[in-house]
Amino acid sequence: MRYDPERIQSRLEEETAGLVLVYKETTDSTNNDAKKAAEEGAAGGFVFLTENQTAGKGRRGNTWNSRAEDCLTFTVLVRPKLSPEKFSLLAPVMGLAVSESCEALSGLKSLIKWPNDVLIDSRKVCGILVEAGSRMDYAVIGCGINTGFGLPPEELADKAVYLSEAAGREISREDMLAEVLKRFAAYERILEKEGSFASLKPMYESRLVNIGRQVSVISPKGSVTALCLGIDEDGALLIKKENGETEKVFAGEVSVRGIYGYV
């Protein structure tokens, strides 16, 4: 079913604090739309939504493929009252909001793979990409949630999942959008008020698939295998290396044993 932009806007006004919908049936990237609006002076609180995204982006230059009516694709523009080094916390805030929403609407257990994936049954149901403005005066948080029926392409069969297919019933994209944005807005307010992830950290770690498991961290410095201890108040991954040293990981590709075929 196609989106009803007027109905969505009405729900945003009822359930969130002043979010405004910007809808395009087709666009290259909702993150690009949000950044363009921000550079032209748009305030925070705009939500960019599309039916068809032709050039979606993932982390580390990857692409995000979405099929019309199978994927909820949107970007939130924020001008957070945070110091620039705290902007990275917007990813776990959105991850927490998406994970809770997937579970609330589907009844299925949903976990988070640091730093930006939401999982159902060890397979990716959502990817998140946060991009900051060049002057660090805004950030855009892009989400692609596989809400539809059907099976992923063969090459992604062990890596991706569609929420409605997994739940055995239709999960409305409009319900998902409203649920995610309601939670995100609430958690962003907590983040801005406290200036750290301290209050949200226990909720996040209770869903963190990395924690207590062996992880492989691939960064520009090389690759290291270690035990994941959790995250700190700045959203960094805490790992314990084989020599007993504890280290913070702020960025990089992190594989978790048993997830996406990693053994």
C-alpha atoms as a PDB file:
ATOM      1  CA  MET A   1       0.000   0.000   0.000  1.00  0.00           C
ATOM      2  CA  ARG A   2       1.288   3.449  -0.932  1.00  0.00           C
ATOM      3  CA  TYR A   3       1.935   6.093   1.699  1.00  0.00           C
ATOM      4  CA  ASP A   4      -0.752   8.600   2.668  1.00  0.00           C
ATOM      5  CA  PRO A   5       1.361  11.717   3.408  1.00  0.00           C
ATOM      6  CA  GLU A   6      -1.525  13.683   4.962  1.00  0.00           C
ATOM      7  CA  ARG A   7      -2.359  10.844   7.326  1.00  0.00           C
ATOM      8  CA  ILE A   8       1.296  10.451   8.300  1.00  0.00           C
ATOM      9  CA  GLN A   9       1.653  14.188   9.003  1.00  0.00           C
ATOM     10  CA  SER A  10      -1.451  14.065  11.168  1.00  0.00           C
ATOM     11  CA  ARG A  11       0.012  11.198  13.169  1.00  0.00           C
ATOM     12  CA  LEU A  12       3.337  13.011  13.573  1.00  0.00           C
ATOM     13  CA  GLU A  13       1.534  16.036  14.975  1.00  0.00           C
ATOM     14  CA  GLU A  14      -0.383  13.842  17.413  1.00  0.00           C
ATOM     15  CA  GLU A  15       2.434  11.567  18.568  1.00  0.00           C
ATOM     16  CA  THR A  16       5.646  13.595  18.283  1.00  0.00           C
ATOM     17  CA  ALA A  17       6.844  17.084  19.105  1.00  0.00           C
ATOM     18  CA  GLY A  18       6.387  19.091  15.919  1.00  0.00           C
ATOM     19  CA  LEU A  19       7.996  16.831  13.314  1.00  0.00           C
ATOM     20  CA  VAL A  20       7.217  17.858   9.731  1.00  0.00           C
ATOM     21  CA  LEU A  21       6.978  15.398   6.832  1.00  0.00           C
ATOM     22  CA  VAL A  22       8.602  16.017   3.435  1.00  0.00           C
ATOM     23  CA  TYR A  23       7.461  13.324   0.994  1.00  0.00           C
ATOM     24  CA  LYS A  24       8.773  12.457  -2.465  1.00  0.00           C
ATOM     25  CA  GLU A  25       7.539   9.446  -4.381  1.00  0.00           C
ATOM     26  CA  THR A  26      11.033   8.969  -5.865  1.00  0.00           C
ATOM     27  CA  THR A  27      14.396  10.403  -4.861  1.00  0.00           C
ATOM     28  CA  ASP A  28      18.043   9.447  -5.077  1.00  0.00           C
ATOM     29  CA  SER A  29      18.681   9.551  -1.323  1.00  0.00           C
ATOM     30  CA  THR A  30      16.643  10.861   1.595  1.00  0.00           C
ATOM     31  CA  ASN A  31      19.921  11.732   3.332  1.00  0.00           C
ATOM     32  CA  ASN A  32      20.839  13.913   0.352  1.00  0.00           C
ATOM     33  CA  ASP A  33      17.426  15.590   0.496  1.00  0.00           C
ATOM     34  CA  ALA A  34      17.857  16.280   4.208  1.00  0.00           C
ATOM     35  CA  LYS A  35      21.380  17.666   3.809  1.00  0.00           C
ATOM     36  CA  LYS A  36      20.298  19.940   0.962  1.00  0.00           C
ATOM     37  CA  ALA A  37      17.451  21.301   3.072  1.00  0.00           C
ATOM     38  CA  ALA A  38      19.778  21.816   6.038  1.00  0.00           C
ATOM     39  CA  GLU A  39      22.321  23.714   3.932  1.00  0.00           C
ATOM     40  CA  GLU A  40      19.455  25.938   2.764  1.00  0.00           C
ATOM     41  CA  GLY A  41      18.602  26.739   6.380  1.00  0.00           C
ATOM     42  CA  ALA A  42      15.886  24.222   7.285  1.00  0.00           C
ATOM     43  CA  ALA A  43      15.308  23.785  10.996  1.00  0.00           C
ATOM     44  CA  GLY A  44      15.601  20.484  12.788  1.00  0.00           C
ATOM     45  CA  GLY A  45      12.552  18.275  12.908  1.00  0.00           C
ATOM     46  CA  PHE A  46      11.967  17.613   9.220  1.00  0.00           C
ATOM     47  CA  VAL A  47      11.424  13.986   8.200  1.00  0.00           C
ATOM     48  CA  PHE A  48      12.208  13.071   4.584  1.00  0.00           C
ATOM     49  CA  LEU A  49      10.294  10.049   3.324  1.00  0.00           C
ATOM     50  CA  THR A  50      10.258   8.313  -0.041  1.00  0.00           C
ATOM     51  CA  GLU A  51       8.569   5.406  -1.757  1.00  0.00           C
ATOM     52  CA  ASN A  52      11.477   4.726  -4.139  1.00  0.00           C
ATOM     53  CA  GLN A  53      15.122   5.464  -3.303  1.00  0.00           C
ATOM     54  CA  THR A  54      17.409   5.051  -6.305  1.00  0.00           C
ATOM     55  CA  ALA A  55      20.844   5.700  -4.786  1.00  0.00           C
ATOM     56  CA  GLY A  56      20.629   4.942  -1.103  1.00  0.00           C
ATOM     57  CA  LYS A  57      23.789   4.980   0.972  1.00  0.00           C
ATOM     58  CA  GLY A  58      25.107   2.760   3.726  1.00  0.00           C
ATOM     59  CA  ARG A  59      28.177   3.020   5.929  1.00  0.00           C
ATOM     60  CA  ARG A  60      31.707   2.942   4.489  1.00  0.00           C
ATOM     61  CA  GLY A  61      30.489   3.816   0.982  1.00  0.00           C
ATOM     62  CA  ASN A  62      28.148   0.835   0.673  1.00  0.00           C
ATOM     63  CA  THR A  63      24.792   1.071  -1.068  1.00  0.00           C
ATOM     64  CA  TRP A  64      21.399   0.453   0.523  1.00  0.00           C
ATOM     65  CA  ASN A  65      18.989  -1.266  -1.821  1.00  0.00           C
ATOM     66  CA  SER A  66      15.270  -0.837  -1.159  1.00  0.00           C
ATOM     67  CA  ARG A  67      12.243  -2.229  -2.976  1.00  0.00           C
ATOM     68  CA  ALA A  68       9.104  -0.129  -3.343  1.00  0.00           C
ATOM     69  CA  GLU A  69       6.474  -1.018  -0.734  1.00  0.00           C
ATOM     70  CA  ASP A  70       8.882  -3.440   0.991  1.00  0.00           C
ATOM     71  CA  CYS A  71      11.085  -0.926   2.750  1.00  0.00           C
ATOM     72  CA  LEU A  72      10.486   2.058   5.006  1.00  0.00           C
ATOM     73  CA  THR A  73      13.081   4.613   3.906  1.00  0.00           C
ATOM     74  CA  PHE A  74      13.370   7.945   5.711  1.00  0.00           C
ATOM     75  CA  THR A  75      15.792  10.510   7.123  1.00  0.00           C
ATOM     76  CA  VAL A  76      15.418  12.797  10.129  1.00  0.00           C
ATOM     77  CA  LEU A  77      17.100  16.205  10.110  1.00  0.00           C
ATOM     78  CA  VAL A  78      18.204  17.347  13.568  1.00  0.00           C
ATOM     79  CA  ARG A  79      20.056  20.349  14.903  1.00  0.00           C
ATOM     80  CA  PRO A  80      20.930  18.822  18.270  1.00  0.00           C
ATOM     81  CA  LYS A  81      21.991  20.813  21.308  1.00  0.00           C
ATOM     82  CA  LEU A  82      25.077  18.661  21.639  1.00  0.00           C
ATOM     83  CA  SER A  83      28.787  19.200  21.262  1.00  0.00           C
ATOM     84  CA  PRO A  84      29.974  17.930  17.847  1.00  0.00           C
ATOM     85  CA  GLU A  85      31.816  14.954  19.337  1.00  0.00           C
ATOM     86  CA  LYS A  86      28.481  13.713  20.717  1.00  0.00           C
ATOM     87  CA  PHE A  87      26.780  13.590  17.293  1.00  0.00           C
ATOM     88  CA  SER A  88      27.826   9.939  16.925  1.00  0.00           C
ATOM     89  CA  LEU A  89      25.405   9.081  19.748  1.00  0.00           C
ATOM     90  CA  LEU A  90      22.494   9.761  17.403  1.00  0.00           C
ATOM     91  CA  ALA A  91      23.111   6.363  15.766  1.00  0.00           C
ATOM     92  CA  PRO A  92      22.578   4.293  18.945  1.00  0.00           C
ATOM     93  CA  VAL A  93      19.600   6.496  19.867  1.00  0.00           C
ATOM     94  CA  MET A  94      17.964   5.678  16.539  1.00  0.00           C
ATOM     95  CA  GLY A  95      19.037   2.040  16.778  1.00  0.00           C
ATOM     96  CA  LEU A  96      17.325   1.730  20.149  1.00  0.00           C
ATOM     97  CA  ALA A  97      14.163   3.388  18.816  1.00  0.00           C
ATOM     98  CA  VAL A  98      14.033   1.084  15.779  1.00  0.00           C
ATOM     99  CA  SER A  99      14.758  -2.101  17.729  1.00  0.00           C
ATOM    100  CA  GLU A 100      12.055  -1.392  20.291  1.00  0.00           C
ATOM    101  CA  SER A 101       9.579  -0.473  17.549  1.00  0.00           C
ATOM    102  CA  CYS A 102      10.246  -3.630  15.533  1.00  0.00           C
ATOM    103  CA  GLU A 103       9.669  -5.737  18.614  1.00  0.00           C
ATOM    104  CA  ALA A 104       6.548  -3.822  19.694  1.00  0.00           C
ATOM    105  CA  LEU A 105       4.865  -4.142  16.307  1.00  0.00           C
ATOM    106  CA  SER A 106       5.964  -7.652  15.324  1.00  0.00           C
ATOM    107  CA  GLY A 107       6.248  -9.456  18.654  1.00  0.00           C
ATOM    108  CA  LEU A 108       9.647 -10.772  17.537  1.00  0.00           C
ATOM    109  CA  LYS A 109      12.843 -10.347  19.537  1.00  0.00           C
ATOM    110  CA  SER A 110      14.950  -7.551  18.057  1.00  0.00           C
ATOM    111  CA  LEU A 111      18.612  -6.911  18.816  1.00  0.00           C
ATOM    112  CA  ILE A 112      21.201  -4.287  17.869  1.00  0.00           C
ATOM    113  CA  LYS A 113      24.562  -4.962  16.269  1.00  0.00           C
ATOM    114  CA  TRP A 114      26.951  -2.100  17.033  1.00  0.00           C
ATOM    115  CA  PRO A 115      27.262   0.371  15.486  1.00  0.00           C
ATOM    116  CA  ASN A 116      24.286   0.662  13.157  1.00  0.00           C
ATOM    117  CA  ASP A 117      22.353  -2.547  12.405  1.00  0.00           C
ATOM    118  CA  VAL A 118      19.081  -3.803  13.867  1.00  0.00           C
ATOM    119  CA  LEU A 119      18.551  -7.571  13.730  1.00  0.00           C
ATOM    120  CA  ILE A 120      15.736 -10.094  13.738  1.00  0.00           C
ATOM    121  CA  ASP A 121      16.878 -13.709  14.094  1.00  0.00           C
ATOM    122  CA  SER A 122      20.544 -12.713  13.541  1.00  0.00           C
ATOM    123  CA  ARG A 123      19.690 -11.066  10.207  1.00  0.00           C
ATOM    124  CA  LYS A 124      19.604  -7.394   9.330  1.00  0.00           C
ATOM    125  CA  VAL A 125      16.206  -5.726   9.291  1.00  0.00           C
ATOM    126  CA  CYS A 126      17.449  -2.127   9.461  1.00  0.00           C
ATOM    127  CA  GLY A 127      20.525  -0.092   8.606  1.00  0.00           C
ATOM    128  CA  ILE A 128      21.229   3.402   9.959  1.00  0.00           C
ATOM    129  CA  LEU A 129      23.511   6.080   8.550  1.00  0.00           C
ATOM    130  CA  VAL A 130      24.302   9.316  10.416  1.00  0.00           C
ATOM    131  CA  GLU A 131      25.960  12.161   8.505  1.00  0.00           C
ATOM    132  CA  ALA A 132      26.969  15.502  10.016  1.00  0.00           C
ATOM    133  CA  GLY A 133      27.040  18.866   8.278  1.00  0.00           C
ATOM    134  CA  SER A 134      30.417  20.324   7.314  1.00  0.00           C
ATOM    135  CA  ARG A 135      30.075  22.978  10.042  1.00  0.00           C
ATOM    136  CA  MET A 136      28.748  20.413  12.545  1.00  0.00           C
ATOM    137  CA  ASP A 137      25.584  22.468  12.973  1.00  0.00           C
ATOM    138  CA  TYR A 138      23.216  19.683  11.969  1.00  0.00           C
ATOM    139  CA  ALA A 139      23.040  15.936  11.452  1.00  0.00           C
ATOM    140  CA  VAL A 140      20.878  13.687   9.313  1.00  0.00           C
ATOM    141  CA  ILE A 141      19.906  10.193  10.460  1.00  0.00           C
ATOM    142  CA  GLY A 142      18.913   7.903   7.613  1.00  0.00           C
ATOM    143  CA  CYS A 143      17.039   4.632   8.152  1.00  0.00           C
ATOM    144  CA  GLY A 144      16.099   1.779   5.876  1.00  0.00           C
ATOM    145  CA  ILE A 145      13.802  -0.785   7.511  1.00  0.00           C
ATOM    146  CA  ASN A 146      12.806  -3.959   5.669  1.00  0.00           C
ATOM    147  CA  THR A 147       9.141  -3.973   6.638  1.00  0.00           C
ATOM    148  CA  GLY A 148       7.644  -6.006   3.782  1.00  0.00           C
ATOM    149  CA  PHE A 149       6.924  -9.580   2.786  1.00  0.00           C
ATOM    150  CA  GLY A 150       9.022 -11.765   0.553  1.00  0.00           C
ATOM    151  CA  LEU A 151      12.556 -13.056   0.698  1.00  0.00           C
ATOM    152  CA  PRO A 152      15.770 -11.068   0.261  1.00  0.00           C
ATOM    153  CA  PRO A 153      17.921 -11.609  -2.825  1.00  0.00           C
ATOM    154  CA  GLU A 154      19.747 -14.957  -2.794  1.00  0.00           C
ATOM    155  CA  GLU A 155      23.111 -13.337  -2.071  1.00  0.00           C
ATOM    156  CA  LEU A 156      21.619 -11.726   1.083  1.00  0.00           C
ATOM    157  CA  ALA A 157      19.541 -14.679   2.292  1.00  0.00           C
ATOM    158  CA  ASP A 158      21.693 -15.251   5.404  1.00  0.00           C
ATOM    159  CA  LYS A 159      22.186 -11.541   6.066  1.00  0.00           C
ATOM    160  CA  ALA A 160      18.805  -9.811   5.634  1.00  0.00           C
ATOM    161  CA  VAL A 161      15.211 -10.359   6.710  1.00  0.00           C
ATOM    162  CA  TYR A 162      11.829  -8.760   5.992  1.00  0.00           C
ATOM    163  CA  LEU A 163       9.806  -7.984   9.100  1.00  0.00           C
ATOM    164  CA  SER A 164       6.304  -8.835   7.831  1.00  0.00           C
ATOM    165  CA  GLU A 165       7.602 -12.106   6.394  1.00  0.00           C
ATOM    166  CA  ALA A 166       9.220 -13.020   9.709  1.00  0.00           C
ATOM    167  CA  ALA A 167       6.125 -12.038  11.705  1.00  0.00           C
ATOM    168  CA  GLY A 168       3.717 -13.811   9.358  1.00  0.00           C
ATOM    169  CA  ARG A 169       1.495 -10.751   9.074  1.00  0.00           C
ATOM    170  CA  GLU A 170       1.645  -7.291   7.586  1.00  0.00           C
ATOM    171  CA  ILE A 171       3.535  -4.654   9.558  1.00  0.00           C
ATOM    172  CA  SER A 172       2.344  -1.222   8.429  1.00  0.00           C
ATOM    173  CA  ARG A 173       5.128   1.088   7.310  1.00  0.00           C
ATOM    174  CA  GLU A 174       3.153   4.079   8.560  1.00  0.00           C
ATOM    175  CA  ASP A 175       2.746   2.491  11.997  1.00  0.00           C
ATOM    176  CA  MET A 176       6.468   1.716  12.058  1.00  0.00           C
ATOM    177  CA  LEU A 177       7.423   5.259  11.095  1.00  0.00           C
ATOM    178  CA  ALA A 178       5.205   6.794  13.778  1.00  0.00           C
ATOM    179  CA  GLU A 179       6.465   4.365  16.421  1.00  0.00           C
ATOM    180  CA  VAL A 180      10.139   4.917  15.583  1.00  0.00           C
ATOM    181  CA  LEU A 181       9.863   8.702  15.474  1.00  0.00           C
ATOM    182  CA  LYS A 182       7.938   8.844  18.746  1.00  0.00           C
ATOM    183  CA  ARG A 183      10.657   6.874  20.509  1.00  0.00           C
ATOM    184  CA  PHE A 184      13.520   8.667  18.760  1.00  0.00           C
ATOM    185  CA  ALA A 185      12.160  12.102  19.716  1.00  0.00           C
ATOM    186  CA  ALA A 186      11.842  11.053  23.362  1.00  0.00           C
ATOM    187  CA  TYR A 187      15.330   9.557  23.524  1.00  0.00           C
ATOM    188  CA  GLU A 188      16.926  12.492  21.708  1.00  0.00           C
ATOM    189  CA  ARG A 189      15.465  14.832  24.337  1.00  0.00           C
ATOM    190  CA  ILE A 190      17.064  12.714  27.070  1.00  0.00           C
ATOM    191  CA  LEU A 191      20.393  12.753  25.213  1.00  0.00           C
ATOM    192  CA  GLU A 192      20.327  16.532  24.831  1.00  0.00           C
ATOM    193  CA  LYS A 193      19.325  17.088  28.457  1.00  0.00           C
ATOM    194  CA  GLU A 194      22.041  14.855  29.897  1.00  0.00           C
ATOM    195  CA  GLY A 195      24.728  15.279  27.243  1.00  0.00           C
ATOM    196  CA  SER A 196      25.615  11.590  27.402  1.00  0.00           C
ATOM    197  CA  PHE A 197      24.219   8.119  26.790  1.00  0.00           C
ATOM    198  CA  ALA A 198      24.275   7.198  30.498  1.00  0.00           C
ATOM    199  CA  SER A 199      20.505   6.869  31.061  1.00  0.00           C
ATOM    200  CA  LEU A 200      19.925   5.045  27.780  1.00  0.00           C
ATOM    201  CA  LYS A 201      22.969   2.776  28.065  1.00  0.00           C
ATOM    202  CA  PRO A 202      21.268  -0.037  30.087  1.00  0.00           C
ATOM    203  CA  MET A 203      18.355  -0.157  27.629  1.00  0.00           C
ATOM    204  CA  TYR A 204      20.758  -0.270  24.694  1.00  0.00           C
ATOM    205  CA  GLU A 205      23.054  -2.903  26.184  1.00  0.00           C
ATOM    206  CA  SER A 206      20.070  -5.158  26.958  1.00  0.00           C
ATOM    207  CA  ARG A 207      19.600  -5.389  23.178  1.00  0.00           C
ATOM    208  CA  LEU A 208      23.280  -5.379  22.158  1.00  0.00           C
ATOM    209  CA  VAL A 209      24.083  -8.602  20.307  1.00  0.00           C
ATOM    210  CA  ASN A 210      27.829  -7.854  20.532  1.00  0.00           C
ATOM    211  CA  ILE A 211      28.012  -7.910  24.330  1.00  0.00           C
ATOM    212  CA  GLY A 212      29.711 -10.911  25.934  1.00  0.00           C
ATOM    213  CA  ARG A 213      30.646 -12.314  22.543  1.00  0.00           C
ATOM    214  CA  GLN A 214      33.815 -12.584  20.531  1.00  0.00           C
ATOM    215  CA  VAL A 215      34.048  -9.838  17.945  1.00  0.00           C
ATOM    216  CA  SER A 216      36.416  -9.070  15.101  1.00  0.00           C
ATOM    217  CA  VAL A 217      37.151  -5.353  14.743  1.00  0.00           C
ATOM    218  CA  ILE A 218      38.474  -4.205  11.381  1.00  0.00           C
ATOM    219  CA  SER A 219      39.774  -0.635  11.260  1.00  0.00           C
ATOM    220  CA  PRO A 220      42.468   1.337   9.411  1.00  0.00           C
ATOM    221  CA  LYS A 221      44.875   0.125  12.106  1.00  0.00           C
ATOM    222  CA  GLY A 222      44.238  -3.515  11.207  1.00  0.00           C
ATOM    223  CA  SER A 223      42.139  -6.351  12.595  1.00  0.00           C
ATOM    224  CA  VAL A 224      41.811  -7.521  16.185  1.00  0.00           C
ATOM    225  CA  THR A 225      39.738 -10.255  17.810  1.00  0.00           C
ATOM    226  CA  ALA A 226      38.458  -9.503  21.294  1.00  0.00           C
ATOM    227  CA  LEU A 227      35.638  -9.937  23.827  1.00  0.00           C
ATOM    228  CA  CYS A 228      32.952  -7.245  23.753  1.00  0.00           C
ATOM    229  CA  LEU A 229      32.230  -5.781  27.187  1.00  0.00           C
ATOM    230  CA  GLY A 230      29.511  -3.324  26.116  1.00  0.00           C
ATOM    231  CA  ILE A 231      29.564   0.392  25.336  1.00  0.00           C
ATOM    232  CA  ASP A 232      30.577   3.481  27.282  1.00  0.00           C
ATOM    233  CA  GLU A 233      28.606   6.693  27.871  1.00  0.00           C
ATOM    234  CA  ASP A 234      29.927   8.141  24.609  1.00  0.00           C
ATOM    235  CA  GLY A 235      28.688   5.185  22.560  1.00  0.00           C
ATOM    236  CA  ALA A 236      32.127   3.635  21.993  1.00  0.00           C
ATOM    237  CA  LEU A 237      32.395  -0.160  21.933  1.00  0.00           C
ATOM    238  CA  LEU A 238      34.409  -1.550  24.847  1.00  0.00           C
ATOM    239  CA  ILE A 239      36.518  -4.603  24.049  1.00  0.00           C
ATOM    240  CA  LYS A 240      38.929  -6.762  26.013  1.00  0.00           C
ATOM    241  CA  LYS A 241      41.825  -7.994  23.900  1.00  0.00           C
ATOM    242  CA  GLU A 242      43.555 -11.344  24.283  1.00  0.00           C
ATOM    243  CA  ASN A 243      46.397  -9.708  26.220  1.00  0.00           C
ATOM    244  CA  GLY A 244      43.904  -8.461  28.814  1.00  0.00           C
ATOM    245  CA  GLU A 245      43.952  -4.818  27.714  1.00  0.00           C
ATOM    246  CA  THR A 246      40.666  -2.941  27.473  1.00  0.00           C
ATOM    247  CA  GLU A 247      40.172  -0.676  24.473  1.00  0.00           C
ATOM    248  CA  LYS A 248      37.521   1.686  23.156  1.00  0.00           C
ATOM    249  CA  VAL A 249      36.408   1.322  19.543  1.00  0.00           C
ATOM    250  CA  PHE A 250      34.880   4.465  18.051  1.00  0.00           C
ATOM    251  CA  ALA A 251      34.644   3.372  14.413  1.00  0.00           C
ATOM    252  CA  GLY A 252      35.328   0.439  12.162  1.00  0.00           C
ATOM    253  CA  GLU A 253      33.722  -2.700  10.816  1.00  0.00           C
ATOM    254  CA  VAL A 254      32.736  -5.060  13.630  1.00  0.00           C
ATOM    255  CA  SER A 255      31.864  -8.708  13.003  1.00  0.00           C
ATOM    256  CA  VAL A 256      30.126 -10.776  15.662  1.00  0.00           C
ATOM    257  CA  ARG A 257      30.548 -14.542  15.835  1.00  0.00           C
ATOM    258  CA  GLY A 258      27.394 -16.233  14.549  1.00  0.00           C
ATOM    259  CA  ILE A 259      26.094 -13.111  12.789  1.00  0.00           C
ATOM    260  CA  TYR A 260      26.101 -12.737   8.979  1.00  0.00           C
ATOM    261  CA  GLY A 261      27.995 -15.995   8.562  1.00  0.00           C
ATOM    262  CA  TYR A 262      30.965 -14.970  10.709  1.00  0.00           C
ATOM    263  CA  VAL A 263      32.388 -18.047  12.434  1.00  0.00           C
END
